[in-house]
Amino acid sequence: MTSLTDDIFSQLSGPALQQISQQLGTGQTQTTGAVAAALPLLIGALGRNASQPQGAEALFGALGRDHSGAAGMGLGDILGAVLGGTQSRQTDGLGQLGHIFGGRQQAAVSGLGQATGLGSDKAQMLLKILAPIVMAYLAKQVFGGGQAQAGGAPSAGALGAILGQEGRQVQQQGGLGGGLLGAVLDQDGDGDLDFNDMLKAGMGMLGGRR
């Protein structure tokens, strides 16, 4: 079974990844590795939020309110709207990051920047680009894709189940994405992130990405 992260990543390969590279001003290899680390971080954080009933309800409401129109759009279309500067709640990546990470947003940005070599500014830019894409993808899964085609009615519970399964896969697969997710979300709150062990485990995977 293909994970949500792998599915989004495959849809962003090719021209879409080149567009992100140009926006960040980074090479294709670094961008590929950074996207591969950022996607499980975003989806894992959403999964943590949706693991609580009120969190799942809030996310389900946001997807229905701001992103259900994306059900008929491709991820490349969403990317084009984001990079083109279209102003809407659907493309407001910075606002979405605030909801996804809450008080851990700066830790997520700093951690991704350190782990991928992007630095904080470009890491935040990447997360702002990817957040609307991830939200649109989830809306498509819930309202116009996987759940709907499988005959299940869209619900907060179904969304929570999808994200819960994905979160478990991210943690089981480990690598840079899983290690970064744990470092950001499981830290003791003192603001000090120790990425040394995670980097030793994950940078080899990044270097081997094509």
C-alpha atoms as a PDB file:
ATOM      1  CA  MET A   1       0.000   0.000   0.000  1.00  0.00           C
ATOM      2  CA  THR A   2       1.416   3.376  -1.062  1.00  0.00           C
ATOM      3  CA  SER A   3       1.619   5.866   1.768  1.00  0.00           C
ATOM      4  CA  LEU A   4       0.126   9.332   1.491  1.00  0.00           C
ATOM      5  CA  THR A   5       3.633  10.777   1.684  1.00  0.00           C
ATOM      6  CA  ASP A   6       4.891   8.622  -1.191  1.00  0.00           C
ATOM      7  CA  ASP A   7       1.819   9.417  -3.278  1.00  0.00           C
ATOM      8  CA  ILE A   8       2.217  13.181  -2.839  1.00  0.00           C
ATOM      9  CA  PHE A   9       5.947  12.939  -3.480  1.00  0.00           C
ATOM     10  CA  SER A  10       5.404  11.022  -6.724  1.00  0.00           C
ATOM     11  CA  GLN A  11       2.877  13.619  -7.916  1.00  0.00           C
ATOM     12  CA  LEU A  12       5.377  16.405  -7.219  1.00  0.00           C
ATOM     13  CA  SER A  13       8.229  14.800  -9.159  1.00  0.00           C
ATOM     14  CA  GLY A  14       9.315  16.218 -12.488  1.00  0.00           C
ATOM     15  CA  PRO A  15       8.204  19.752 -13.449  1.00  0.00           C
ATOM     16  CA  ALA A  16       6.619  20.505 -10.070  1.00  0.00           C
ATOM     17  CA  LEU A  17       9.862  19.722  -8.257  1.00  0.00           C
ATOM     18  CA  GLN A  18      11.754  21.912 -10.718  1.00  0.00           C
ATOM     19  CA  GLN A  19       9.387  24.793  -9.942  1.00  0.00           C
ATOM     20  CA  ILE A  20       9.983  24.366  -6.212  1.00  0.00           C
ATOM     21  CA  SER A  21      13.751  24.266  -6.825  1.00  0.00           C
ATOM     22  CA  GLN A  22      13.569  27.526  -8.743  1.00  0.00           C
ATOM     23  CA  GLN A  23      11.483  29.154  -6.026  1.00  0.00           C
ATOM     24  CA  LEU A  24      13.944  28.107  -3.311  1.00  0.00           C
ATOM     25  CA  GLY A  25      17.045  28.726  -5.410  1.00  0.00           C
ATOM     26  CA  THR A  26      18.366  25.247  -4.604  1.00  0.00           C
ATOM     27  CA  GLY A  27      19.596  22.343  -6.698  1.00  0.00           C
ATOM     28  CA  GLN A  28      17.347  19.473  -7.698  1.00  0.00           C
ATOM     29  CA  THR A  29      19.029  16.938  -5.408  1.00  0.00           C
ATOM     30  CA  GLN A  30      18.790  19.139  -2.309  1.00  0.00           C
ATOM     31  CA  THR A  31      15.195  20.077  -3.111  1.00  0.00           C
ATOM     32  CA  THR A  32      14.233  16.433  -3.594  1.00  0.00           C
ATOM     33  CA  GLY A  33      15.705  15.493  -0.226  1.00  0.00           C
ATOM     34  CA  ALA A  34      14.112  18.479   1.509  1.00  0.00           C
ATOM     35  CA  VAL A  35      10.656  17.700   0.125  1.00  0.00           C
ATOM     36  CA  ALA A  36      11.106  14.047   1.127  1.00  0.00           C
ATOM     37  CA  ALA A  37      11.825  15.193   4.705  1.00  0.00           C
ATOM     38  CA  ALA A  38       9.170  17.932   4.864  1.00  0.00           C
ATOM     39  CA  LEU A  39       6.176  15.881   3.699  1.00  0.00           C
ATOM     40  CA  PRO A  40       6.225  13.300   6.537  1.00  0.00           C
ATOM     41  CA  LEU A  41       6.865  16.155   8.982  1.00  0.00           C
ATOM     42  CA  LEU A  42       3.702  17.954   7.833  1.00  0.00           C
ATOM     43  CA  ILE A  43       1.530  14.860   7.568  1.00  0.00           C
ATOM     44  CA  GLY A  44       2.843  13.439  10.842  1.00  0.00           C
ATOM     45  CA  ALA A  45       2.030  16.685  12.657  1.00  0.00           C
ATOM     46  CA  LEU A  46      -1.475  16.685  11.174  1.00  0.00           C
ATOM     47  CA  GLY A  47      -1.826  13.093  12.342  1.00  0.00           C
ATOM     48  CA  ARG A  48      -0.881  14.077  15.886  1.00  0.00           C
ATOM     49  CA  ASN A  49      -3.494  16.837  15.806  1.00  0.00           C
ATOM     50  CA  ALA A  50      -6.147  14.477  14.442  1.00  0.00           C
ATOM     51  CA  SER A  51      -5.390  11.819  17.073  1.00  0.00           C
ATOM     52  CA  GLN A  52      -7.613  13.804  19.452  1.00  0.00           C
ATOM     53  CA  PRO A  53     -11.345  13.953  18.567  1.00  0.00           C
ATOM     54  CA  GLN A  54     -11.463  17.760  18.774  1.00  0.00           C
ATOM     55  CA  GLY A  55      -8.357  17.994  16.597  1.00  0.00           C
ATOM     56  CA  ALA A  56      -9.867  15.687  13.983  1.00  0.00           C
ATOM     57  CA  GLU A  57     -13.090  17.708  13.987  1.00  0.00           C
ATOM     58  CA  ALA A  58     -11.206  20.995  13.562  1.00  0.00           C
ATOM     59  CA  LEU A  59      -9.105  19.641  10.691  1.00  0.00           C
ATOM     60  CA  PHE A  60     -12.127  18.065   8.998  1.00  0.00           C
ATOM     61  CA  GLY A  61     -13.958  21.381   9.250  1.00  0.00           C
ATOM     62  CA  ALA A  62     -11.009  23.295   7.803  1.00  0.00           C
ATOM     63  CA  LEU A  63     -10.689  20.869   4.886  1.00  0.00           C
ATOM     64  CA  GLY A  64     -14.380  21.138   4.112  1.00  0.00           C
ATOM     65  CA  ARG A  65     -14.450  24.926   4.449  1.00  0.00           C
ATOM     66  CA  ASP A  66     -11.223  25.930   2.712  1.00  0.00           C
ATOM     67  CA  HIS A  67     -10.045  23.008   0.597  1.00  0.00           C
ATOM     68  CA  SER A  68     -12.988  20.927  -0.635  1.00  0.00           C
ATOM     69  CA  GLY A  69     -12.836  22.798  -3.957  1.00  0.00           C
ATOM     70  CA  ALA A  70      -9.451  21.221  -4.525  1.00  0.00           C
ATOM     71  CA  ALA A  71     -11.035  17.803  -5.002  1.00  0.00           C
ATOM     72  CA  GLY A  72     -11.135  18.341  -8.765  1.00  0.00           C
ATOM     73  CA  MET A  73      -7.674  19.935  -9.016  1.00  0.00           C
ATOM     74  CA  GLY A  74      -4.286  18.340  -9.491  1.00  0.00           C
ATOM     75  CA  LEU A  75      -1.463  19.053  -7.064  1.00  0.00           C
ATOM     76  CA  GLY A  76       0.354  20.854  -9.865  1.00  0.00           C
ATOM     77  CA  ASP A  77      -2.583  23.271 -10.096  1.00  0.00           C
ATOM     78  CA  ILE A  78      -2.392  23.938  -6.366  1.00  0.00           C
ATOM     79  CA  LEU A  79       1.346  24.492  -6.628  1.00  0.00           C
ATOM     80  CA  GLY A  80       0.800  26.931  -9.481  1.00  0.00           C
ATOM     81  CA  ALA A  81      -1.707  28.904  -7.401  1.00  0.00           C
ATOM     82  CA  VAL A  82       0.661  29.018  -4.424  1.00  0.00           C
ATOM     83  CA  LEU A  83       3.714  30.046  -6.451  1.00  0.00           C
ATOM     84  CA  GLY A  84       1.632  32.473  -8.478  1.00  0.00           C
ATOM     85  CA  GLY A  85       0.722  34.430  -5.376  1.00  0.00           C
ATOM     86  CA  THR A  86      -3.011  33.670  -5.429  1.00  0.00           C
ATOM     87  CA  GLN A  87      -4.413  34.976  -2.152  1.00  0.00           C
ATOM     88  CA  SER A  88      -6.970  32.691  -0.524  1.00  0.00           C
ATOM     89  CA  ARG A  89      -7.405  30.577   2.573  1.00  0.00           C
ATOM     90  CA  GLN A  90      -6.605  27.579   0.402  1.00  0.00           C
ATOM     91  CA  THR A  91      -3.161  28.950  -0.493  1.00  0.00           C
ATOM     92  CA  ASP A  92      -2.322  30.604   2.861  1.00  0.00           C
ATOM     93  CA  GLY A  93       0.606  28.356   3.696  1.00  0.00           C
ATOM     94  CA  LEU A  94       1.838  30.447   6.615  1.00  0.00           C
ATOM     95  CA  GLY A  95      -1.549  30.423   8.301  1.00  0.00           C
ATOM     96  CA  GLN A  96      -1.844  26.684   7.759  1.00  0.00           C
ATOM     97  CA  LEU A  97       1.565  26.093   9.343  1.00  0.00           C
ATOM     98  CA  GLY A  98       0.351  27.881  12.469  1.00  0.00           C
ATOM     99  CA  HIS A  99      -2.565  25.463  12.734  1.00  0.00           C
ATOM    100  CA  ILE A 100      -0.501  22.392  11.859  1.00  0.00           C
ATOM    101  CA  PHE A 101       2.410  22.956  14.258  1.00  0.00           C
ATOM    102  CA  GLY A 102       1.045  25.443  16.799  1.00  0.00           C
ATOM    103  CA  GLY A 103       3.772  26.395  19.240  1.00  0.00           C
ATOM    104  CA  ARG A 104       6.205  23.979  17.582  1.00  0.00           C
ATOM    105  CA  GLN A 105       6.257  25.857  14.265  1.00  0.00           C
ATOM    106  CA  GLN A 106       9.648  27.464  14.798  1.00  0.00           C
ATOM    107  CA  ALA A 107      11.092  24.144  15.960  1.00  0.00           C
ATOM    108  CA  ALA A 108       9.786  22.509  12.787  1.00  0.00           C
ATOM    109  CA  VAL A 109      11.262  25.243  10.595  1.00  0.00           C
ATOM    110  CA  SER A 110      14.624  25.203  12.392  1.00  0.00           C
ATOM    111  CA  GLY A 111      14.800  21.427  12.434  1.00  0.00           C
ATOM    112  CA  LEU A 112      14.032  21.080   8.741  1.00  0.00           C
ATOM    113  CA  GLY A 113      16.522  23.832   7.937  1.00  0.00           C
ATOM    114  CA  GLN A 114      19.284  22.131   9.924  1.00  0.00           C
ATOM    115  CA  ALA A 115      18.535  18.624   8.725  1.00  0.00           C
ATOM    116  CA  THR A 116      18.442  19.501   5.021  1.00  0.00           C
ATOM    117  CA  GLY A 117      20.944  22.353   4.887  1.00  0.00           C
ATOM    118  CA  LEU A 118      18.285  24.765   3.647  1.00  0.00           C
ATOM    119  CA  GLY A 119      18.520  27.120   6.609  1.00  0.00           C
ATOM    120  CA  SER A 120      15.463  28.482   8.382  1.00  0.00           C
ATOM    121  CA  ASP A 121      14.320  30.987   5.744  1.00  0.00           C
ATOM    122  CA  LYS A 122      14.211  28.494   2.877  1.00  0.00           C
ATOM    123  CA  ALA A 123      12.833  25.750   5.135  1.00  0.00           C
ATOM    124  CA  GLN A 124       9.913  27.992   6.075  1.00  0.00           C
ATOM    125  CA  MET A 125       9.399  28.863   2.411  1.00  0.00           C
ATOM    126  CA  LEU A 126       9.286  25.166   1.524  1.00  0.00           C
ATOM    127  CA  LEU A 127       6.808  24.365   4.299  1.00  0.00           C
ATOM    128  CA  LYS A 128       4.627  27.308   3.183  1.00  0.00           C
ATOM    129  CA  ILE A 129       4.618  25.865  -0.338  1.00  0.00           C
ATOM    130  CA  LEU A 130       3.896  22.298   0.741  1.00  0.00           C
ATOM    131  CA  ALA A 131       1.251  22.945   3.427  1.00  0.00           C
ATOM    132  CA  PRO A 132      -1.520  23.952   0.950  1.00  0.00           C
ATOM    133  CA  ILE A 133      -0.595  20.997  -1.262  1.00  0.00           C
ATOM    134  CA  VAL A 134      -0.865  18.545   1.644  1.00  0.00           C
ATOM    135  CA  MET A 135      -4.184  20.066   2.777  1.00  0.00           C
ATOM    136  CA  ALA A 136      -5.591  19.932  -0.771  1.00  0.00           C
ATOM    137  CA  TYR A 137      -4.456  16.323  -1.107  1.00  0.00           C
ATOM    138  CA  LEU A 138      -6.180  15.363   2.148  1.00  0.00           C
ATOM    139  CA  ALA A 139      -9.364  17.149   1.062  1.00  0.00           C
ATOM    140  CA  LYS A 140      -9.272  15.162  -2.155  1.00  0.00           C
ATOM    141  CA  GLN A 141      -8.843  11.926  -0.217  1.00  0.00           C
ATOM    142  CA  VAL A 142     -11.725  12.704   2.139  1.00  0.00           C
ATOM    143  CA  PHE A 143     -14.220  14.479  -0.118  1.00  0.00           C
ATOM    144  CA  GLY A 144     -13.373  13.413  -3.639  1.00  0.00           C
ATOM    145  CA  GLY A 145     -10.873  10.587  -3.560  1.00  0.00           C
ATOM    146  CA  GLY A 146     -10.039   7.562  -1.472  1.00  0.00           C
ATOM    147  CA  GLN A 147     -12.831   7.612   1.111  1.00  0.00           C
ATOM    148  CA  ALA A 148     -15.535   8.690  -1.300  1.00  0.00           C
ATOM    149  CA  GLN A 149     -14.567   6.107  -3.907  1.00  0.00           C
ATOM    150  CA  ALA A 150     -14.363   3.413  -1.259  1.00  0.00           C
ATOM    151  CA  GLY A 151     -17.970   4.115  -0.349  1.00  0.00           C
ATOM    152  CA  GLY A 152     -17.217   5.651   3.039  1.00  0.00           C
ATOM    153  CA  ALA A 153     -18.963   8.849   4.048  1.00  0.00           C
ATOM    154  CA  PRO A 154     -16.603  11.769   4.718  1.00  0.00           C
ATOM    155  CA  SER A 155     -16.161  12.191   8.459  1.00  0.00           C
ATOM    156  CA  ALA A 156     -13.689  13.437  11.042  1.00  0.00           C
ATOM    157  CA  GLY A 157     -13.279   9.853  12.244  1.00  0.00           C
ATOM    158  CA  ALA A 158     -12.343   8.617   8.780  1.00  0.00           C
ATOM    159  CA  LEU A 159      -9.848  11.456   8.414  1.00  0.00           C
ATOM    160  CA  GLY A 160      -8.329  10.639  11.795  1.00  0.00           C
ATOM    161  CA  ALA A 161      -7.984   6.987  10.787  1.00  0.00           C
ATOM    162  CA  ILE A 162      -6.251   7.869   7.499  1.00  0.00           C
ATOM    163  CA  LEU A 163      -3.784  10.171   9.226  1.00  0.00           C
ATOM    164  CA  GLY A 164      -3.244   7.818  12.140  1.00  0.00           C
ATOM    165  CA  GLN A 165      -2.241   5.011   9.807  1.00  0.00           C
ATOM    166  CA  GLU A 166       0.075   7.340   7.910  1.00  0.00           C
ATOM    167  CA  GLY A 167       1.687   8.590  11.117  1.00  0.00           C
ATOM    168  CA  ARG A 168       2.472   5.028  12.168  1.00  0.00           C
ATOM    169  CA  GLN A 169       4.042   4.338   8.772  1.00  0.00           C
ATOM    170  CA  VAL A 170       6.210   7.475   9.019  1.00  0.00           C
ATOM    171  CA  GLN A 171       7.507   6.441  12.443  1.00  0.00           C
ATOM    172  CA  GLN A 172       8.093   2.831  11.372  1.00  0.00           C
ATOM    173  CA  GLN A 173      10.006   3.815   8.239  1.00  0.00           C
ATOM    174  CA  GLY A 174      12.263   6.111  10.264  1.00  0.00           C
ATOM    175  CA  GLY A 175      14.821   7.900   8.114  1.00  0.00           C
ATOM    176  CA  LEU A 176      15.118  11.648   8.124  1.00  0.00           C
ATOM    177  CA  GLY A 177      11.384  12.348   7.931  1.00  0.00           C
ATOM    178  CA  GLY A 178      10.464  10.128  10.863  1.00  0.00           C
ATOM    179  CA  GLY A 179      13.434  11.281  12.937  1.00  0.00           C
ATOM    180  CA  LEU A 180      12.655  14.930  12.298  1.00  0.00           C
ATOM    181  CA  LEU A 181       9.010  14.424  13.220  1.00  0.00           C
ATOM    182  CA  GLY A 182       9.981  12.855  16.535  1.00  0.00           C
ATOM    183  CA  ALA A 183      12.575  15.526  17.295  1.00  0.00           C
ATOM    184  CA  VAL A 184      10.113  18.349  16.660  1.00  0.00           C
ATOM    185  CA  LEU A 185       6.996  16.943  18.281  1.00  0.00           C
ATOM    186  CA  ASP A 186       8.455  14.880  21.116  1.00  0.00           C
ATOM    187  CA  GLN A 187      11.001  17.341  22.481  1.00  0.00           C
ATOM    188  CA  ASP A 188      10.716  18.311  26.145  1.00  0.00           C
ATOM    189  CA  GLY A 189       9.778  21.894  25.364  1.00  0.00           C
ATOM    190  CA  ASP A 190      13.046  23.541  26.361  1.00  0.00           C
ATOM    191  CA  GLY A 191      13.604  24.779  22.822  1.00  0.00           C
ATOM    192  CA  ASP A 192      16.848  22.836  22.401  1.00  0.00           C
ATOM    193  CA  LEU A 193      16.746  20.386  19.545  1.00  0.00           C
ATOM    194  CA  ASP A 194      19.449  17.778  19.310  1.00  0.00           C
ATOM    195  CA  PHE A 195      19.511  16.605  15.707  1.00  0.00           C
ATOM    196  CA  ASN A 196      22.970  15.041  15.743  1.00  0.00           C
ATOM    197  CA  ASP A 197      21.895  11.414  15.957  1.00  0.00           C
ATOM    198  CA  MET A 198      19.032  11.984  13.544  1.00  0.00           C
ATOM    199  CA  LEU A 199      21.353  13.602  11.011  1.00  0.00           C
ATOM    200  CA  LYS A 200      23.788  10.694  11.187  1.00  0.00           C
ATOM    201  CA  ALA A 201      20.938   8.327  10.431  1.00  0.00           C
ATOM    202  CA  GLY A 202      19.194  10.465   7.833  1.00  0.00           C
ATOM    203  CA  MET A 203      21.724  12.316   5.742  1.00  0.00           C
ATOM    204  CA  GLY A 204      22.872   9.135   4.033  1.00  0.00           C
ATOM    205  CA  MET A 205      19.343   8.637   2.781  1.00  0.00           C
ATOM    206  CA  LEU A 206      19.245  12.233   1.543  1.00  0.00           C
ATOM    207  CA  GLY A 207      22.515  11.873  -0.284  1.00  0.00           C
ATOM    208  CA  GLY A 208      21.274   8.755  -2.018  1.00  0.00           C
ATOM    209  CA  ARG A 209      18.059  10.339  -3.334  1.00  0.00           C
ATOM    210  CA  ARG A 210      17.836  10.747  -7.086  1.00  0.00           C
END
